[in-house]
């Protein structure tokens, strides 16, 4: 499933991924922008319609639960970015990342991850 969140949806999903199931009031407390209760409620209704969240009653409120895993959303966003900006090339995406000011220790960890992945695939160094 290709998940494409708007910026607002991603902000809300970020709160749900970090906190777990939350009410509108709880989400509002953790958003950087000061959004009105009705704005967040409307966003939840839209996101529920898209299948991104579900809700369960809790007193007079509802508790919303993320139905899209963070990793799945990240993979979908990365695939979209790779296709749109790098012509589908994972190599070009990686080059852009490496040239963006990655610190030497981060580069070493990336190298180690790539080496490990190649080993898992049965590739020689």
PDB file of N, CA and C in Angstrom:
ATOM      1  N   UNK A   1       0.854  -1.179   0.000  1.00  0.00           N
ATOM      2  CA  UNK A   1       0.000   0.000   0.000  1.00  0.00           C
ATOM      3  C   UNK A   1       0.892   1.231   0.000  1.00  0.00           C
ATOM      4  N   UNK A   2       0.716   2.116  -0.970  1.00  0.00           N
ATOM      5  CA  UNK A   2       1.480   3.360  -1.032  1.00  0.00           C
ATOM      6  C   UNK A   2       0.848   4.406  -0.138  1.00  0.00           C
ATOM      7  N   UNK A   3       1.465   4.659   0.988  1.00  0.00           N
ATOM      8  CA  UNK A   3       0.942   5.620   1.950  1.00  0.00           C
ATOM      9  C   UNK A   3       1.610   6.965   1.700  1.00  0.00           C
ATOM     10  N   UNK A   4       0.793   7.987   1.542  1.00  0.00           N
ATOM     11  CA  UNK A   4       1.333   9.332   1.345  1.00  0.00           C
ATOM     12  C   UNK A   4       0.639  10.277   2.307  1.00  0.00           C
ATOM     13  N   UNK A   5       1.351  10.618   3.369  1.00  0.00           N
ATOM     14  CA  UNK A   5       0.799  11.527   4.364  1.00  0.00           C
ATOM     15  C   UNK A   5       1.035  12.971   3.961  1.00  0.00           C
ATOM     16  N   UNK A   6       0.065  13.831   4.272  1.00  0.00           N
ATOM     17  CA  UNK A   6       0.314  15.269   4.189  1.00  0.00           C
ATOM     18  C   UNK A   6       1.195  15.638   5.383  1.00  0.00           C
ATOM     19  N   UNK A   7       1.714  16.854   5.397  1.00  0.00           N
ATOM     20  CA  UNK A   7       2.551  17.285   6.523  1.00  0.00           C
ATOM     21  C   UNK A   7       1.779  17.187   7.836  1.00  0.00           C
ATOM     22  N   UNK A   8       0.539  17.668   7.864  1.00  0.00           N
ATOM     23  CA  UNK A   8      -0.274  17.618   9.084  1.00  0.00           C
ATOM     24  C   UNK A   8      -0.538  16.186   9.522  1.00  0.00           C
ATOM     25  N   UNK A   9      -0.866  15.332   8.557  1.00  0.00           N
ATOM     26  CA  UNK A   9      -1.113  13.932   8.890  1.00  0.00           C
ATOM     27  C   UNK A   9       0.143  13.299   9.479  1.00  0.00           C
ATOM     28  N   UNK A  10       1.281  13.612   8.896  1.00  0.00           N
ATOM     29  CA  UNK A  10       2.538  13.058   9.396  1.00  0.00           C
ATOM     30  C   UNK A  10       2.843  13.562  10.800  1.00  0.00           C
ATOM     31  N   UNK A  11       2.544  14.831  11.075  1.00  0.00           N
ATOM     32  CA  UNK A  11       2.724  15.368  12.431  1.00  0.00           C
ATOM     33  C   UNK A  11       1.878  14.582  13.436  1.00  0.00           C
ATOM     34  N   UNK A  12       0.624  14.337  13.076  1.00  0.00           N
ATOM     35  CA  UNK A  12      -0.283  13.609  13.967  1.00  0.00           C
ATOM     36  C   UNK A  12       0.161  12.156  14.120  1.00  0.00           C
ATOM     37  N   UNK A  13       0.528  11.524  13.007  1.00  0.00           N
ATOM     38  CA  UNK A  13       0.993  10.137  13.069  1.00  0.00           C
ATOM     39  C   UNK A  13       2.252  10.041  13.926  1.00  0.00           C
ATOM     40  N   UNK A  14       3.120  11.038  13.840  1.00  0.00           N
ATOM     41  CA  UNK A  14       4.325  11.043  14.665  1.00  0.00           C
ATOM     42  C   UNK A  14       3.998  10.976  16.148  1.00  0.00           C
ATOM     43  N   UNK A  15       2.955  11.694  16.547  1.00  0.00           N
ATOM     44  CA  UNK A  15       2.526  11.656  17.951  1.00  0.00           C
ATOM     45  C   UNK A  15       1.992  10.266  18.293  1.00  0.00           C
ATOM     46  N   UNK A  16       1.181   9.707  17.415  1.00  0.00           N
ATOM     47  CA  UNK A  16       0.623   8.373  17.688  1.00  0.00           C
ATOM     48  C   UNK A  16       1.713   7.313  17.733  1.00  0.00           C
ATOM     49  N   UNK A  17       2.702   7.397  16.834  1.00  0.00           N
ATOM     50  CA  UNK A  17       3.792   6.423  16.847  1.00  0.00           C
ATOM     51  C   UNK A  17       4.618   6.547  18.123  1.00  0.00           C
ATOM     52  N   UNK A  18       4.808   7.770  18.593  1.00  0.00           N
ATOM     53  CA  UNK A  18       5.621   7.985  19.796  1.00  0.00           C
ATOM     54  C   UNK A  18       4.864   7.641  21.077  1.00  0.00           C
ATOM     55  N   UNK A  19       3.587   8.019  21.155  1.00  0.00           N
ATOM     56  CA  UNK A  19       2.813   7.864  22.385  1.00  0.00           C
ATOM     57  C   UNK A  19       1.926   6.632  22.412  1.00  0.00           C
ATOM     58  N   UNK A  20       1.564   6.134  21.252  1.00  0.00           N
ATOM     59  CA  UNK A  20       0.559   5.087  21.192  1.00  0.00           C
ATOM     60  C   UNK A  20      -0.818   5.712  21.092  1.00  0.00           C
ATOM     61  N   UNK A  21      -1.875   4.915  21.239  1.00  0.00           N
ATOM     62  CA  UNK A  21      -3.238   5.429  21.102  1.00  0.00           C
ATOM     63  C   UNK A  21      -3.461   6.664  21.980  1.00  0.00           C
ATOM     64  N   UNK A  22      -4.070   7.697  21.361  1.00  0.00           N
ATOM     65  CA  UNK A  22      -4.213   8.993  22.033  1.00  0.00           C
ATOM     66  C   UNK A  22      -5.526   9.662  21.651  1.00  0.00           C
ATOM     67  N   UNK A  23      -5.979  10.541  22.537  1.00  0.00           N
ATOM     68  CA  UNK A  23      -7.160  11.357  22.261  1.00  0.00           C
ATOM     69  C   UNK A  23      -6.735  12.599  21.491  1.00  0.00           C
ATOM     70  N   UNK A  24      -7.712  13.329  20.975  1.00  0.00           N
ATOM     71  CA  UNK A  24      -7.433  14.587  20.279  1.00  0.00           C
ATOM     72  C   UNK A  24      -6.672  15.535  21.205  1.00  0.00           C
ATOM     73  N   UNK A  25      -7.137  15.660  22.449  1.00  0.00           N
ATOM     74  CA  UNK A  25      -6.487  16.567  23.404  1.00  0.00           C
ATOM     75  C   UNK A  25      -5.033  16.171  23.648  1.00  0.00           C
ATOM     76  N   UNK A  26      -4.767  14.872  23.778  1.00  0.00           N
ATOM     77  CA  UNK A  26      -3.397  14.411  24.010  1.00  0.00           C
ATOM     78  C   UNK A  26      -2.503  14.693  22.801  1.00  0.00           C
ATOM     79  N   UNK A  27      -3.044  14.491  21.620  1.00  0.00           N
ATOM     80  CA  UNK A  27      -2.267  14.773  20.407  1.00  0.00           C
ATOM     81  C   UNK A  27      -1.959  16.266  20.319  1.00  0.00           C
ATOM     82  N   UNK A  28      -2.961  17.099  20.569  1.00  0.00           N
ATOM     83  CA  UNK A  28      -2.764  18.555  20.517  1.00  0.00           C
ATOM     84  C   UNK A  28      -1.633  19.001  21.437  1.00  0.00           C
ATOM     85  N   UNK A  29      -1.550  18.396  22.614  1.00  0.00           N
ATOM     86  CA  UNK A  29      -0.495  18.754  23.578  1.00  0.00           C
ATOM     87  C   UNK A  29       0.898  18.489  23.033  1.00  0.00           C
ATOM     88  N   UNK A  30       1.030  17.525  22.122  1.00  0.00           N
ATOM     89  CA  UNK A  30       2.345  17.109  21.650  1.00  0.00           C
ATOM     90  C   UNK A  30       2.685  17.596  20.245  1.00  0.00           C
ATOM     91  N   UNK A  31       1.795  18.361  19.632  1.00  0.00           N
ATOM     92  CA  UNK A  31       2.080  18.924  18.321  1.00  0.00           C
ATOM     93  C   UNK A  31       2.867  20.218  18.476  1.00  0.00           C
ATOM     94  N   UNK A  32       3.778  20.468  17.543  1.00  0.00           N
ATOM     95  CA  UNK A  32       4.543  21.721  17.586  1.00  0.00           C
ATOM     96  C   UNK A  32       3.639  22.916  17.332  1.00  0.00           C
ATOM     97  N   UNK A  33       2.724  22.787  16.356  1.00  0.00           N
ATOM     98  CA  UNK A  33       1.806  23.876  16.035  1.00  0.00           C
ATOM     99  C   UNK A  33       0.610  23.841  16.975  1.00  0.00           C
ATOM    100  N   UNK A  34       0.116  25.013  17.327  1.00  0.00           N
ATOM    101  CA  UNK A  34      -1.050  25.120  18.206  1.00  0.00           C
ATOM    102  C   UNK A  34      -2.305  25.058  17.346  1.00  0.00           C
ATOM    103  N   UNK A  35      -2.814  23.850  17.133  1.00  0.00           N
ATOM    104  CA  UNK A  35      -3.997  23.660  16.299  1.00  0.00           C
ATOM    105  C   UNK A  35      -5.245  23.590  17.157  1.00  0.00           C
ATOM    106  N   UNK A  36      -6.339  24.078  16.618  1.00  0.00           N
ATOM    107  CA  UNK A  36      -7.622  24.019  17.316  1.00  0.00           C
ATOM    108  C   UNK A  36      -8.075  22.564  17.449  1.00  0.00           C
ATOM    109  N   UNK A  37      -8.832  22.306  18.493  1.00  0.00           N
ATOM    110  CA  UNK A  37      -9.370  20.968  18.733  1.00  0.00           C
ATOM    111  C   UNK A  37     -10.110  20.453  17.493  1.00  0.00           C
ATOM    112  N   UNK A  38     -10.975  21.319  16.919  1.00  0.00           N
ATOM    113  CA  UNK A  38     -11.765  20.900  15.755  1.00  0.00           C
ATOM    114  C   UNK A  38     -10.889  20.604  14.537  1.00  0.00           C
ATOM    115  N   UNK A  39      -9.764  21.290  14.408  1.00  0.00           N
ATOM    116  CA  UNK A  39      -8.843  21.034  13.293  1.00  0.00           C
ATOM    117  C   UNK A  39      -8.256  19.637  13.416  1.00  0.00           C
ATOM    118  N   UNK A  40      -7.794  19.284  14.612  1.00  0.00           N
ATOM    119  CA  UNK A  40      -7.206  17.953  14.830  1.00  0.00           C
ATOM    120  C   UNK A  40      -8.288  16.889  14.683  1.00  0.00           C
ATOM    121  N   UNK A  41      -9.474  17.147  15.190  1.00  0.00           N
ATOM    122  CA  UNK A  41     -10.579  16.201  15.061  1.00  0.00           C
ATOM    123  C   UNK A  41     -10.907  15.967  13.591  1.00  0.00           C
ATOM    124  N   UNK A  42     -10.967  17.026  12.808  1.00  0.00           N
ATOM    125  CA  UNK A  42     -11.232  16.901  11.368  1.00  0.00           C
ATOM    126  C   UNK A  42     -10.138  16.095  10.686  1.00  0.00           C
ATOM    127  N   UNK A  43      -8.884  16.340  11.055  1.00  0.00           N
ATOM    128  CA  UNK A  43      -7.770  15.581  10.482  1.00  0.00           C
ATOM    129  C   UNK A  43      -7.916  14.096  10.812  1.00  0.00           C
ATOM    130  N   UNK A  44      -8.299  13.791  12.041  1.00  0.00           N
ATOM    131  CA  UNK A  44      -8.500  12.396  12.423  1.00  0.00           C
ATOM    132  C   UNK A  44      -9.620  11.754  11.594  1.00  0.00           C
ATOM    133  N   UNK A  45     -10.694  12.490  11.349  1.00  0.00           N
ATOM    134  CA  UNK A  45     -11.800  11.944  10.553  1.00  0.00           C
ATOM    135  C   UNK A  45     -11.329  11.628   9.134  1.00  0.00           C
ATOM    136  N   UNK A  46     -10.554  12.527   8.550  1.00  0.00           N
ATOM    137  CA  UNK A  46     -10.015  12.308   7.210  1.00  0.00           C
ATOM    138  C   UNK A  46      -9.076  11.103   7.206  1.00  0.00           C
ATOM    139  N   UNK A  47      -8.195  11.044   8.206  1.00  0.00           N
ATOM    140  CA  UNK A  47      -7.227   9.950   8.294  1.00  0.00           C
ATOM    141  C   UNK A  47      -7.923   8.611   8.547  1.00  0.00           C
ATOM    142  N   UNK A  48      -9.009   8.638   9.309  1.00  0.00           N
ATOM    143  CA  UNK A  48      -9.770   7.416   9.536  1.00  0.00           C
ATOM    144  C   UNK A  48     -10.384   6.938   8.216  1.00  0.00           C
ATOM    145  N   UNK A  49     -10.880   7.869   7.418  1.00  0.00           N
ATOM    146  CA  UNK A  49     -11.439   7.529   6.116  1.00  0.00           C
ATOM    147  C   UNK A  49     -10.415   6.912   5.173  1.00  0.00           C
ATOM    148  N   UNK A  50      -9.166   7.311   5.325  1.00  0.00           N
ATOM    149  CA  UNK A  50      -8.082   6.769   4.499  1.00  0.00           C
ATOM    150  C   UNK A  50      -7.547   5.447   5.050  1.00  0.00           C
ATOM    151  N   UNK A  51      -8.000   5.077   6.245  1.00  0.00           N
ATOM    152  CA  UNK A  51      -7.529   3.842   6.860  1.00  0.00           C
ATOM    153  C   UNK A  51      -6.220   3.987   7.615  1.00  0.00           C
ATOM    154  N   UNK A  52      -5.783   5.213   7.867  1.00  0.00           N
ATOM    155  CA  UNK A  52      -4.517   5.457   8.567  1.00  0.00           C
ATOM    156  C   UNK A  52      -4.658   5.305  10.073  1.00  0.00           C
ATOM    157  N   UNK A  53      -5.859   5.580  10.603  1.00  0.00           N
ATOM    158  CA  UNK A  53      -6.114   5.474  12.042  1.00  0.00           C
ATOM    159  C   UNK A  53      -7.464   4.796  12.259  1.00  0.00           C
ATOM    160  N   UNK A  54      -7.649   4.282  13.453  1.00  0.00           N
ATOM    161  CA  UNK A  54      -8.950   3.783  13.883  1.00  0.00           C
ATOM    162  C   UNK A  54      -9.257   4.461  15.213  1.00  0.00           C
ATOM    163  N   UNK A  55     -10.499   4.361  15.639  1.00  0.00           N
ATOM    164  CA  UNK A  55     -10.859   5.006  16.908  1.00  0.00           C
ATOM    165  C   UNK A  55     -11.727   4.092  17.733  1.00  0.00           C
ATOM    166  N   UNK A  56     -11.627   4.306  19.038  1.00  0.00           N
ATOM    167  CA  UNK A  56     -12.491   3.577  19.966  1.00  0.00           C
ATOM    168  C   UNK A  56     -13.003   4.583  20.990  1.00  0.00           C
ATOM    169  N   UNK A  57     -14.272   4.447  21.389  1.00  0.00           N
ATOM    170  CA  UNK A  57     -14.831   5.401  22.347  1.00  0.00           C
ATOM    171  C   UNK A  57     -14.161   5.292  23.710  1.00  0.00           C
ATOM    172  N   UNK A  58     -13.999   6.438  24.317  1.00  0.00           N
ATOM    173  CA  UNK A  58     -13.453   6.504  25.678  1.00  0.00           C
ATOM    174  C   UNK A  58     -14.142   7.665  26.381  1.00  0.00           C
ATOM    175  N   UNK A  59     -15.174   7.352  27.128  1.00  0.00           N
ATOM    176  CA  UNK A  59     -15.965   8.407  27.762  1.00  0.00           C
ATOM    177  C   UNK A  59     -16.626   9.247  26.681  1.00  0.00           C
ATOM    178  N   UNK A  60     -16.466  10.553  26.773  1.00  0.00           N
ATOM    179  CA  UNK A  60     -17.037  11.457  25.774  1.00  0.00           C
ATOM    180  C   UNK A  60     -16.090  11.665  24.587  1.00  0.00           C
ATOM    181  N   UNK A  61     -14.896  11.152  24.699  1.00  0.00           N
ATOM    182  CA  UNK A  61     -13.898  11.332  23.638  1.00  0.00           C
ATOM    183  C   UNK A  61     -13.692  10.011  22.888  1.00  0.00           C
ATOM    184  N   UNK A  62     -12.739  10.040  21.967  1.00  0.00           N
ATOM    185  CA  UNK A  62     -12.310   8.832  21.264  1.00  0.00           C
ATOM    186  C   UNK A  62     -10.799   8.731  21.381  1.00  0.00           C
ATOM    187  N   UNK A  63     -10.324   7.515  21.430  1.00  0.00           N
ATOM    188  CA  UNK A  63      -8.889   7.246  21.434  1.00  0.00           C
ATOM    189  C   UNK A  63      -8.536   6.736  20.043  1.00  0.00           C
ATOM    190  N   UNK A  64      -7.581   7.404  19.406  1.00  0.00           N
ATOM    191  CA  UNK A  64      -7.184   7.069  18.038  1.00  0.00           C
ATOM    192  C   UNK A  64      -5.906   6.234  18.053  1.00  0.00           C
ATOM    193  N   UNK A  65      -5.883   5.242  17.176  1.00  0.00           N
ATOM    194  CA  UNK A  65      -4.763   4.305  17.077  1.00  0.00           C
ATOM    195  C   UNK A  65      -4.218   4.330  15.655  1.00  0.00           C
ATOM    196  N   UNK A  66      -2.902   4.369  15.524  1.00  0.00           N
ATOM    197  CA  UNK A  66      -2.269   4.311  14.200  1.00  0.00           C
ATOM    198  C   UNK A  66      -2.504   2.932  13.592  1.00  0.00           C
ATOM    199  N   UNK A  67      -2.964   2.891  12.366  1.00  0.00           N
ATOM    200  CA  UNK A  67      -3.164   1.633  11.650  1.00  0.00           C
ATOM    201  C   UNK A  67      -2.086   1.416  10.597  1.00  0.00           C
ATOM    202  N   UNK A  68      -1.195   2.389  10.464  1.00  0.00           N
ATOM    203  CA  UNK A  68      -0.062   2.287   9.549  1.00  0.00           C
ATOM    204  C   UNK A  68       1.196   2.276  10.405  1.00  0.00           C
ATOM    205  N   UNK A  69       2.011   1.254  10.230  1.00  0.00           N
ATOM    206  CA  UNK A  69       3.264   1.168  10.976  1.00  0.00           C
ATOM    207  C   UNK A  69       4.244   2.227  10.479  1.00  0.00           C
ATOM    208  N   UNK A  70       5.038   2.741  11.384  1.00  0.00           N
ATOM    209  CA  UNK A  70       6.015   3.772  11.051  1.00  0.00           C
ATOM    210  C   UNK A  70       6.988   3.282   9.971  1.00  0.00           C
ATOM    211  N   UNK A  71       7.463   2.061  10.084  1.00  0.00           N
ATOM    212  CA  UNK A  71       8.402   1.520   9.093  1.00  0.00           C
ATOM    213  C   UNK A  71       7.771   1.443   7.710  1.00  0.00           C
ATOM    214  N   UNK A  72       6.518   1.024   7.644  1.00  0.00           N
ATOM    215  CA  UNK A  72       5.823   0.931   6.353  1.00  0.00           C
ATOM    216  C   UNK A  72       5.652   2.313   5.734  1.00  0.00           C
ATOM    217  N   UNK A  73       5.331   3.298   6.554  1.00  0.00           N
ATOM    218  CA  UNK A  73       5.188   4.667   6.065  1.00  0.00           C
ATOM    219  C   UNK A  73       6.528   5.198   5.570  1.00  0.00           C
ATOM    220  N   UNK A  74       7.598   4.879   6.296  1.00  0.00           N
ATOM    221  CA  UNK A  74       8.934   5.317   5.893  1.00  0.00           C
ATOM    222  C   UNK A  74       9.355   4.713   4.570  1.00  0.00           C
ATOM    223  N   UNK A  75       9.099   3.430   4.390  1.00  0.00           N
ATOM    224  CA  UNK A  75       9.443   2.767   3.127  1.00  0.00           C
ATOM    225  C   UNK A  75       8.656   3.351   1.968  1.00  0.00           C
ATOM    226  N   UNK A  76       7.378   3.612   2.196  1.00  0.00           N
ATOM    227  CA  UNK A  76       6.546   4.193   1.153  1.00  0.00           C
ATOM    228  C   UNK A  76       7.045   5.588   0.774  1.00  0.00           C
ATOM    229  N   UNK A  77       7.368   6.393   1.766  1.00  0.00           N
ATOM    230  CA  UNK A  77       7.869   7.750   1.510  1.00  0.00           C
ATOM    231  C   UNK A  77       9.211   7.700   0.788  1.00  0.00           C
ATOM    232  N   UNK A  78      10.072   6.785   1.198  1.00  0.00           N
ATOM    233  CA  UNK A  78      11.386   6.644   0.570  1.00  0.00           C
ATOM    234  C   UNK A  78      11.246   6.192  -0.883  1.00  0.00           C
ATOM    235  N   UNK A  79      10.361   5.241  -1.142  1.00  0.00           N
ATOM    236  CA  UNK A  79      10.111   4.801  -2.519  1.00  0.00           C
ATOM    237  C   UNK A  79       9.626   5.964  -3.377  1.00  0.00           C
ATOM    238  N   UNK A  80       8.710   6.755  -2.831  1.00  0.00           N
ATOM    239  CA  UNK A  80       8.172   7.913  -3.551  1.00  0.00           C
ATOM    240  C   UNK A  80       9.287   8.919  -3.851  1.00  0.00           C
ATOM    241  N   UNK A  81      10.103   9.211  -2.858  1.00  0.00           N
ATOM    242  CA  UNK A  81      11.213  10.146  -3.017  1.00  0.00           C
ATOM    243  C   UNK A  81      12.204   9.642  -4.063  1.00  0.00           C
ATOM    244  N   UNK A  82      12.550   8.366  -3.976  1.00  0.00           N
ATOM    245  CA  UNK A  82      13.503   7.780  -4.933  1.00  0.00           C
ATOM    246  C   UNK A  82      12.958   7.877  -6.351  1.00  0.00           C
ATOM    247  N   UNK A  83      11.689   7.575  -6.540  1.00  0.00           N
ATOM    248  CA  UNK A  83      11.097   7.633  -7.880  1.00  0.00           C
ATOM    249  C   UNK A  83      11.019   9.064  -8.407  1.00  0.00           C
ATOM    250  N   UNK A  84      10.536   9.972  -7.565  1.00  0.00           N
ATOM    251  CA  UNK A  84      10.296  11.350  -8.005  1.00  0.00           C
ATOM    252  C   UNK A  84      11.570  12.167  -8.213  1.00  0.00           C
ATOM    253  N   UNK A  85      12.524  12.026  -7.298  1.00  0.00           N
ATOM    254  CA  UNK A  85      13.712  12.888  -7.347  1.00  0.00           C
ATOM    255  C   UNK A  85      14.938  12.233  -7.946  1.00  0.00           C
ATOM    256  N   UNK A  86      15.009  10.913  -7.923  1.00  0.00           N
ATOM    257  CA  UNK A  86      16.231  10.235  -8.338  1.00  0.00           C
ATOM    258  C   UNK A  86      15.996   9.222  -9.449  1.00  0.00           C
ATOM    259  N   UNK A  87      14.888   9.377 -10.168  1.00  0.00           N
ATOM    260  CA  UNK A  87      14.612   8.515 -11.310  1.00  0.00           C
ATOM    261  C   UNK A  87      14.575   7.038 -10.967  1.00  0.00           C
ATOM    262  N   UNK A  88      14.236   6.715  -9.729  1.00  0.00           N
ATOM    263  CA  UNK A  88      14.150   5.324  -9.308  1.00  0.00           C
ATOM    264  C   UNK A  88      15.485   4.722  -8.887  1.00  0.00           C
ATOM    265  N   UNK A  89      16.553   5.517  -8.908  1.00  0.00           N
ATOM    266  CA  UNK A  89      17.888   5.001  -8.615  1.00  0.00           C
ATOM    267  C   UNK A  89      18.219   5.038  -7.124  1.00  0.00           C
ATOM    268  N   UNK A  90      18.362   3.868  -6.488  1.00  0.00           N
ATOM    269  CA  UNK A  90      18.783   3.858  -5.088  1.00  0.00           C
ATOM    270  C   UNK A  90      20.212   4.391  -4.937  1.00  0.00           C
ATOM    271  N   UNK A  91      21.036   4.178  -5.940  1.00  0.00           N
ATOM    272  CA  UNK A  91      22.414   4.665  -5.890  1.00  0.00           C
ATOM    273  C   UNK A  91      22.453   6.194  -5.847  1.00  0.00           C
ATOM    274  N   UNK A  92      21.643   6.846  -6.671  1.00  0.00           N
ATOM    275  CA  UNK A  92      21.601   8.307  -6.670  1.00  0.00           C
ATOM    276  C   UNK A  92      21.070   8.845  -5.339  1.00  0.00           C
ATOM    277  N   UNK A  93      20.100   8.165  -4.776  1.00  0.00           N
ATOM    278  CA  UNK A  93      19.572   8.549  -3.466  1.00  0.00           C
ATOM    279  C   UNK A  93      20.653   8.446  -2.402  1.00  0.00           C
ATOM    280  N   UNK A  94      21.399   7.342  -2.422  1.00  0.00           N
ATOM    281  CA  UNK A  94      22.479   7.147  -1.456  1.00  0.00           C
ATOM    282  C   UNK A  94      23.571   8.193  -1.639  1.00  0.00           C
ATOM    283  N   UNK A  95      23.942   8.474  -2.889  1.00  0.00           N
ATOM    284  CA  UNK A  95      24.967   9.493  -3.145  1.00  0.00           C
ATOM    285  C   UNK A  95      24.537  10.852  -2.605  1.00  0.00           C
ATOM    286  N   UNK A  96      23.287  11.199  -2.807  1.00  0.00           N
ATOM    287  CA  UNK A  96      22.771  12.469  -2.292  1.00  0.00           C
ATOM    288  C   UNK A  96      22.864  12.499  -0.765  1.00  0.00           C
ATOM    289  N   UNK A  97      22.499  11.404  -0.148  1.00  0.00           N
ATOM    290  CA  UNK A  97      22.565  11.309   1.309  1.00  0.00           C
ATOM    291  C   UNK A  97      23.999  11.452   1.804  1.00  0.00           C
ATOM    292  N   UNK A  98      24.915  10.723   1.176  1.00  0.00           N
ATOM    293  CA  UNK A  98      26.320  10.750   1.593  1.00  0.00           C
ATOM    294  C   UNK A  98      26.927  12.140   1.389  1.00  0.00           C
ATOM    295  N   UNK A  99      26.521  12.821   0.314  1.00  0.00           N
ATOM    296  CA  UNK A  99      27.060  14.154   0.020  1.00  0.00           C
ATOM    297  C   UNK A  99      26.389  15.260   0.828  1.00  0.00           C
ATOM    298  N   UNK A 100      25.434  14.910   1.675  1.00  0.00           N
ATOM    299  CA  UNK A 100      24.674  15.933   2.402  1.00  0.00           C
ATOM    300  C   UNK A 100      25.286  16.305   3.748  1.00  0.00           C
ATOM    301  N   UNK A 101      26.528  15.928   3.979  1.00  0.00           N
ATOM    302  CA  UNK A 101      27.181  16.303   5.222  1.00  0.00           C
ATOM    303  C   UNK A 101      27.103  15.244   6.296  1.00  0.00           C
ATOM    304  N   UNK A 102      27.052  13.994   5.904  1.00  0.00           N
ATOM    305  CA  UNK A 102      27.026  12.900   6.870  1.00  0.00           C
ATOM    306  C   UNK A 102      28.376  12.847   7.580  1.00  0.00           C
ATOM    307  N   UNK A 103      28.352  12.672   8.880  1.00  0.00           N
ATOM    308  CA  UNK A 103      29.571  12.634   9.693  1.00  0.00           C
ATOM    309  C   UNK A 103      30.333  11.334   9.457  1.00  0.00           C
ATOM    310  N   UNK A 104      31.664  11.350   9.644  1.00  0.00           N
ATOM    311  CA  UNK A 104      32.466  10.143   9.411  1.00  0.00           C
ATOM    312  C   UNK A 104      31.992   8.916  10.199  1.00  0.00           C
ATOM    313  N   UNK A 105      31.597   9.093  11.456  1.00  0.00           N
ATOM    314  CA  UNK A 105      31.148   7.931  12.230  1.00  0.00           C
ATOM    315  C   UNK A 105      29.833   7.371  11.675  1.00  0.00           C
ATOM    316  N   UNK A 106      28.975   8.257  11.158  1.00  0.00           N
ATOM    317  CA  UNK A 106      27.737   7.794  10.532  1.00  0.00           C
ATOM    318  C   UNK A 106      28.043   7.040   9.238  1.00  0.00           C
ATOM    319  N   UNK A 107      29.015   7.560   8.468  1.00  0.00           N
ATOM    320  CA  UNK A 107      29.428   6.871   7.242  1.00  0.00           C
ATOM    321  C   UNK A 107      29.981   5.482   7.540  1.00  0.00           C
ATOM    322  N   UNK A 108      30.760   5.353   8.604  1.00  0.00           N
ATOM    323  CA  UNK A 108      31.290   4.039   8.976  1.00  0.00           C
ATOM    324  C   UNK A 108      30.163   3.075   9.341  1.00  0.00           C
ATOM    325  N   UNK A 109      29.170   3.569  10.078  1.00  0.00           N
ATOM    326  CA  UNK A 109      28.036   2.708  10.431  1.00  0.00           C
ATOM    327  C   UNK A 109      27.259   2.295   9.182  1.00  0.00           C
ATOM    328  N   UNK A 110      27.105   3.230   8.242  1.00  0.00           N
ATOM    329  CA  UNK A 110      26.427   2.901   6.979  1.00  0.00           C
ATOM    330  C   UNK A 110      27.225   1.853   6.206  1.00  0.00           C
ATOM    331  N   UNK A 111      28.534   2.032   6.155  1.00  0.00           N
ATOM    332  CA  UNK A 111      29.386   1.058   5.465  1.00  0.00           C
ATOM    333  C   UNK A 111      29.228  -0.318   6.100  1.00  0.00           C
ATOM    334  N   UNK A 112      29.239  -0.358   7.430  1.00  0.00           N
ATOM    335  CA  UNK A 112      29.087  -1.631   8.130  1.00  0.00           C
ATOM    336  C   UNK A 112      27.733  -2.281   7.823  1.00  0.00           C
ATOM    337  N   UNK A 113      26.691  -1.465   7.774  1.00  0.00           N
ATOM    338  CA  UNK A 113      25.361  -1.992   7.439  1.00  0.00           C
ATOM    339  C   UNK A 113      25.331  -2.551   6.020  1.00  0.00           C
ATOM    340  N   UNK A 114      25.945  -1.819   5.087  1.00  0.00           N
ATOM    341  CA  UNK A 114      25.985  -2.286   3.699  1.00  0.00           C
ATOM    342  C   UNK A 114      26.797  -3.566   3.580  1.00  0.00           C
ATOM    343  N   UNK A 115      27.922  -3.641   4.281  1.00  0.00           N
ATOM    344  CA  UNK A 115      28.761  -4.843   4.257  1.00  0.00           C
ATOM    345  C   UNK A 115      27.992  -6.030   4.816  1.00  0.00           C
ATOM    346  N   UNK A 116      27.294  -5.804   5.918  1.00  0.00           N
ATOM    347  CA  UNK A 116      26.497  -6.867   6.532  1.00  0.00           C
ATOM    348  C   UNK A 116      25.398  -7.336   5.581  1.00  0.00           C
ATOM    349  N   UNK A 117      24.732  -6.377   4.937  1.00  0.00           N
ATOM    350  CA  UNK A 117      23.652  -6.733   4.009  1.00  0.00           C
ATOM    351  C   UNK A 117      24.190  -7.541   2.831  1.00  0.00           C
ATOM    352  N   UNK A 118      25.358  -7.132   2.306  1.00  0.00           N
ATOM    353  CA  UNK A 118      25.972  -7.889   1.212  1.00  0.00           C
ATOM    354  C   UNK A 118      26.318  -9.309   1.662  1.00  0.00           C
ATOM    355  N   UNK A 119      26.803  -9.443   2.875  1.00  0.00           N
ATOM    356  CA  UNK A 119      27.121 -10.768   3.422  1.00  0.00           C
ATOM    357  C   UNK A 119      25.885 -11.632   3.529  1.00  0.00           C
ATOM    358  N   UNK A 120      24.764 -11.028   3.925  1.00  0.00           N
ATOM    359  CA  UNK A 120      23.503 -11.764   4.029  1.00  0.00           C
ATOM    360  C   UNK A 120      23.014 -12.227   2.666  1.00  0.00           C
ATOM    361  N   UNK A 121      23.387 -11.479   1.633  1.00  0.00           N
ATOM    362  CA  UNK A 121      22.966 -11.820   0.281  1.00  0.00           C
ATOM    363  C   UNK A 121      23.944 -12.777  -0.400  1.00  0.00           C
ATOM    364  N   UNK A 122      25.038 -13.130   0.328  1.00  0.00           N
ATOM    365  CA  UNK A 122      26.018 -14.050  -0.227  1.00  0.00           C
ATOM    366  C   UNK A 122      26.995 -13.383  -1.176  1.00  0.00           C
ATOM    367  N   UNK A 123      27.088 -12.059  -1.102  1.00  0.00           N
ATOM    368  CA  UNK A 123      28.005 -11.318  -1.975  1.00  0.00           C
ATOM    369  C   UNK A 123      29.363 -11.183  -1.301  1.00  0.00           C
ATOM    370  N   UNK A 124      30.424 -11.200  -2.119  1.00  0.00           N
ATOM    371  CA  UNK A 124      31.763 -10.926  -1.609  1.00  0.00           C
ATOM    372  C   UNK A 124      31.955  -9.423  -1.513  1.00  0.00           C
ATOM    373  N   UNK A 125      32.907  -9.030  -0.679  1.00  0.00           N
ATOM    374  CA  UNK A 125      33.200  -7.594  -0.528  1.00  0.00           C
ATOM    375  C   UNK A 125      33.761  -7.032  -1.741  1.00  0.00           C
TER     376      UNK A 125
END
